[in-house]
Amino acid sequence: MLAQAKTKKEYQKVMVEMLSSMDSGLEDEKSQRLQSK
Protein backbone atom coordinates (compact mmCIF):
# COMPACT_ATOMS: atom_id res chain seq x y z
CA MET A 1 0.00 0.00 0.00
CA LEU A 2 2.74 2.47 0.96
CA ALA A 3 4.76 1.43 -2.08
CA GLN A 4 2.01 2.85 -4.29
CA ALA A 5 2.45 6.34 -2.84
CA LYS A 6 4.81 8.00 -5.32
CA THR A 7 4.58 11.53 -3.99
CA LYS A 8 4.61 12.89 -0.47
CA LYS A 9 1.02 14.05 -0.89
CA GLU A 10 -0.14 10.58 -1.86
CA TYR A 11 1.83 9.10 1.02
CA GLN A 12 0.17 11.45 3.51
CA LYS A 13 -3.25 10.63 2.07
CA VAL A 14 -2.60 6.91 2.48
CA MET A 15 -1.42 7.42 6.06
CA VAL A 16 -4.54 9.43 6.92
CA GLU A 17 -6.76 6.73 5.44
CA MET A 18 -4.92 4.04 7.37
CA LEU A 19 -5.20 5.97 10.63
CA SER A 20 -8.88 6.75 10.14
CA SER A 21 -9.67 3.11 9.37
CA MET A 22 -7.72 2.07 12.47
CA ASP A 23 -9.59 4.62 14.59
CA SER A 24 -12.98 3.44 13.34
CA GLY A 25 -11.92 -0.14 14.07
CA LEU A 26 -11.02 0.80 17.63
CA GLU A 27 -14.31 2.64 18.07
CA ASP A 28 -16.20 -0.44 16.89
CA GLU A 29 -14.29 -2.56 19.40
CA LYS A 30 -15.10 -0.14 22.24
CA SER A 31 -18.82 -0.03 21.44
CA GLN A 32 -18.94 -3.83 21.20
CA ARG A 33 -17.29 -4.13 24.63
CA LEU A 34 -19.77 -1.68 26.15
CA GLN A 35 -22.72 -3.55 24.65
CA SER A 36 -21.48 -6.95 25.86
CA LYS A 37 -21.38 -5.81 29.50
PDB file of N, CA and C in Angstrom:
ATOM      1  N   MET A   1       0.842  -1.200   0.000  1.00  0.00           N
ATOM      2  CA  MET A   1       0.000   0.000   0.000  1.00  0.00           C
ATOM      3  C   MET A   1       0.877   1.250   0.000  1.00  0.00           C
ATOM      4  N   LEU A   2       1.857   1.302   0.894  1.00  0.00           N
ATOM      5  CA  LEU A   2       2.736   2.472   0.958  1.00  0.00           C
ATOM      6  C   LEU A   2       3.600   2.572  -0.293  1.00  0.00           C
ATOM      7  N   ALA A   3       3.912   1.429  -0.889  1.00  0.00           N
ATOM      8  CA  ALA A   3       4.756   1.430  -2.082  1.00  0.00           C
ATOM      9  C   ALA A   3       4.073   2.128  -3.247  1.00  0.00           C
ATOM     10  N   GLN A   4       2.747   2.202  -3.201  1.00  0.00           N
ATOM     11  CA  GLN A   4       2.011   2.845  -4.294  1.00  0.00           C
ATOM     12  C   GLN A   4       2.085   4.365  -4.206  1.00  0.00           C
ATOM     13  N   ALA A   5       2.401   4.888  -3.021  1.00  0.00           N
ATOM     14  CA  ALA A   5       2.450   6.341  -2.840  1.00  0.00           C
ATOM     15  C   ALA A   5       3.736   6.888  -3.449  1.00  0.00           C
ATOM     16  N   LYS A   6       3.617   7.497  -4.620  1.00  0.00           N
ATOM     17  CA  LYS A   6       4.808   7.997  -5.325  1.00  0.00           C
ATOM     18  C   LYS A   6       5.218   9.368  -4.815  1.00  0.00           C
ATOM     19  N   THR A   7       4.256  10.181  -4.468  1.00  0.00           N
ATOM     20  CA  THR A   7       4.576  11.526  -3.993  1.00  0.00           C
ATOM     21  C   THR A   7       4.285  11.642  -2.504  1.00  0.00           C
ATOM     22  N   LYS A   8       4.820  12.676  -1.907  1.00  0.00           N
ATOM     23  CA  LYS A   8       4.614  12.892  -0.474  1.00  0.00           C
ATOM     24  C   LYS A   8       3.133  13.103  -0.174  1.00  0.00           C
ATOM     25  N   LYS A   9       2.451  13.788  -1.078  1.00  0.00           N
ATOM     26  CA  LYS A   9       1.020  14.055  -0.894  1.00  0.00           C
ATOM     27  C   LYS A   9       0.241  12.746  -0.870  1.00  0.00           C
ATOM     28  N   GLU A  10       0.539  11.875  -1.810  1.00  0.00           N
ATOM     29  CA  GLU A  10      -0.143  10.583  -1.861  1.00  0.00           C
ATOM     30  C   GLU A  10       0.152   9.780  -0.602  1.00  0.00           C
ATOM     31  N   TYR A  11       1.412   9.833  -0.167  1.00  0.00           N
ATOM     32  CA  TYR A  11       1.832   9.101   1.022  1.00  0.00           C
ATOM     33  C   TYR A  11       1.036   9.570   2.236  1.00  0.00           C
ATOM     34  N   GLN A  12       0.920  10.889   2.381  1.00  0.00           N
ATOM     35  CA  GLN A  12       0.168  11.447   3.510  1.00  0.00           C
ATOM     36  C   GLN A  12      -1.295  11.015   3.448  1.00  0.00           C
ATOM     37  N   LYS A  13      -1.845  11.024   2.251  1.00  0.00           N
ATOM     38  CA  LYS A  13      -3.251  10.630   2.071  1.00  0.00           C
ATOM     39  C   LYS A  13      -3.452   9.179   2.511  1.00  0.00           C
ATOM     40  N   VAL A  14      -2.521   8.327   2.107  1.00  0.00           N
ATOM     41  CA  VAL A  14      -2.601   6.912   2.481  1.00  0.00           C
ATOM     42  C   VAL A  14      -2.509   6.752   3.996  1.00  0.00           C
ATOM     43  N   MET A  15      -1.593   7.499   4.608  1.00  0.00           N
ATOM     44  CA  MET A  15      -1.419   7.423   6.058  1.00  0.00           C
ATOM     45  C   MET A  15      -2.697   7.839   6.776  1.00  0.00           C
ATOM     46  N   VAL A  16      -3.297   8.932   6.306  1.00  0.00           N
ATOM     47  CA  VAL A  16      -4.535   9.428   6.920  1.00  0.00           C
ATOM     48  C   VAL A  16      -5.635   8.377   6.803  1.00  0.00           C
ATOM     49  N   GLU A  17      -5.728   7.753   5.634  1.00  0.00           N
ATOM     50  CA  GLU A  17      -6.756   6.729   5.436  1.00  0.00           C
ATOM     51  C   GLU A  17      -6.524   5.539   6.361  1.00  0.00           C
ATOM     52  N   MET A  18      -5.254   5.150   6.493  1.00  0.00           N
ATOM     53  CA  MET A  18      -4.917   4.037   7.373  1.00  0.00           C
ATOM     54  C   MET A  18      -5.294   4.362   8.814  1.00  0.00           C
ATOM     55  N   LEU A  19      -4.919   5.563   9.251  1.00  0.00           N
ATOM     56  CA  LEU A  19      -5.195   5.966  10.629  1.00  0.00           C
ATOM     57  C   LEU A  19      -6.694   6.043  10.888  1.00  0.00           C
ATOM     58  N   SER A  20      -7.433   6.604   9.947  1.00  0.00           N
ATOM     59  CA  SER A  20      -8.880   6.753  10.143  1.00  0.00           C
ATOM     60  C   SER A  20      -9.554   5.376  10.184  1.00  0.00           C
ATOM     61  N   SER A  21      -9.076   4.450   9.361  1.00  0.00           N
ATOM     62  CA  SER A  21      -9.667   3.112   9.369  1.00  0.00           C
ATOM     63  C   SER A  21      -9.325   2.398  10.673  1.00  0.00           C
ATOM     64  N   MET A  22      -8.115   2.648  11.189  1.00  0.00           N
ATOM     65  CA  MET A  22      -7.718   2.069  12.470  1.00  0.00           C
ATOM     66  C   MET A  22      -8.582   2.637  13.586  1.00  0.00           C
ATOM     67  N   ASP A  23      -8.785   3.952  13.562  1.00  0.00           N
ATOM     68  CA  ASP A  23      -9.590   4.617  14.590  1.00  0.00           C
ATOM     69  C   ASP A  23     -11.015   4.069  14.588  1.00  0.00           C
ATOM     70  N   SER A  24     -11.603   3.937  13.419  1.00  0.00           N
ATOM     71  CA  SER A  24     -12.978   3.442  13.342  1.00  0.00           C
ATOM     72  C   SER A  24     -13.033   2.001  13.846  1.00  0.00           C
ATOM     73  N   GLY A  25     -11.981   1.237  13.580  1.00  0.00           N
ATOM     74  CA  GLY A  25     -11.921  -0.136  14.068  1.00  0.00           C
ATOM     75  C   GLY A  25     -11.889  -0.169  15.580  1.00  0.00           C
ATOM     76  N   LEU A  26     -11.102   0.726  16.174  1.00  0.00           N
ATOM     77  CA  LEU A  26     -11.017   0.797  17.629  1.00  0.00           C
ATOM     78  C   LEU A  26     -12.348   1.221  18.217  1.00  0.00           C
ATOM     79  N   GLU A  27     -13.004   2.176  17.586  1.00  0.00           N
ATOM     80  CA  GLU A  27     -14.311   2.642  18.073  1.00  0.00           C
ATOM     81  C   GLU A  27     -15.315   1.492  18.053  1.00  0.00           C
ATOM     82  N   ASP A  28     -15.292   0.702  16.992  1.00  0.00           N
ATOM     83  CA  ASP A  28     -16.203  -0.437  16.891  1.00  0.00           C
ATOM     84  C   ASP A  28     -15.948  -1.408  18.039  1.00  0.00           C
ATOM     85  N   GLU A  29     -14.664  -1.635  18.331  1.00  0.00           N
ATOM     86  CA  GLU A  29     -14.287  -2.556  19.399  1.00  0.00           C
ATOM     87  C   GLU A  29     -14.810  -2.051  20.738  1.00  0.00           C
ATOM     88  N   LYS A  30     -14.640  -0.754  20.977  1.00  0.00           N
ATOM     89  CA  LYS A  30     -15.096  -0.144  22.236  1.00  0.00           C
ATOM     90  C   LYS A  30     -16.605  -0.304  22.387  1.00  0.00           C
ATOM     91  N   SER A  31     -17.354   0.029  21.354  1.00  0.00           N
ATOM     92  CA  SER A  31     -18.817  -0.033  21.437  1.00  0.00           C
ATOM     93  C   SER A  31     -19.271  -1.478  21.651  1.00  0.00           C
ATOM     94  N   GLN A  32     -18.582  -2.429  21.025  1.00  0.00           N
ATOM     95  CA  GLN A  32     -18.943  -3.834  21.203  1.00  0.00           C
ATOM     96  C   GLN A  32     -18.704  -4.252  22.650  1.00  0.00           C
ATOM     97  N   ARG A  33     -17.604  -3.796  23.236  1.00  0.00           N
ATOM     98  CA  ARG A  33     -17.292  -4.135  24.628  1.00  0.00           C
ATOM     99  C   ARG A  33     -18.355  -3.569  25.556  1.00  0.00           C
ATOM    100  N   LEU A  34     -18.765  -2.318  25.296  1.00  0.00           N
ATOM    101  CA  LEU A  34     -19.766  -1.685  26.151  1.00  0.00           C
ATOM    102  C   LEU A  34     -21.097  -2.427  26.056  1.00  0.00           C
ATOM    103  N   GLN A  35     -21.444  -2.863  24.852  1.00  0.00           N
ATOM    104  CA  GLN A  35     -22.722  -3.550  24.655  1.00  0.00           C
ATOM    105  C   GLN A  35     -22.711  -4.929  25.310  1.00  0.00           C
ATOM    106  N   SER A  36     -21.560  -5.590  25.332  1.00  0.00           N
ATOM    107  CA  SER A  36     -21.480  -6.952  25.858  1.00  0.00           C
ATOM    108  C   SER A  36     -21.582  -6.975  27.382  1.00  0.00           C
ATOM    109  N   LYS A  37     -21.329  -5.849  28.032  1.00  0.00           N
ATOM    110  CA  LYS A  37     -21.384  -5.809  29.504  1.00  0.00           C
ATOM    111  C   LYS A  37     -22.816  -5.873  30.007  1.00  0.00           C
TER     112      LYS A  37
END
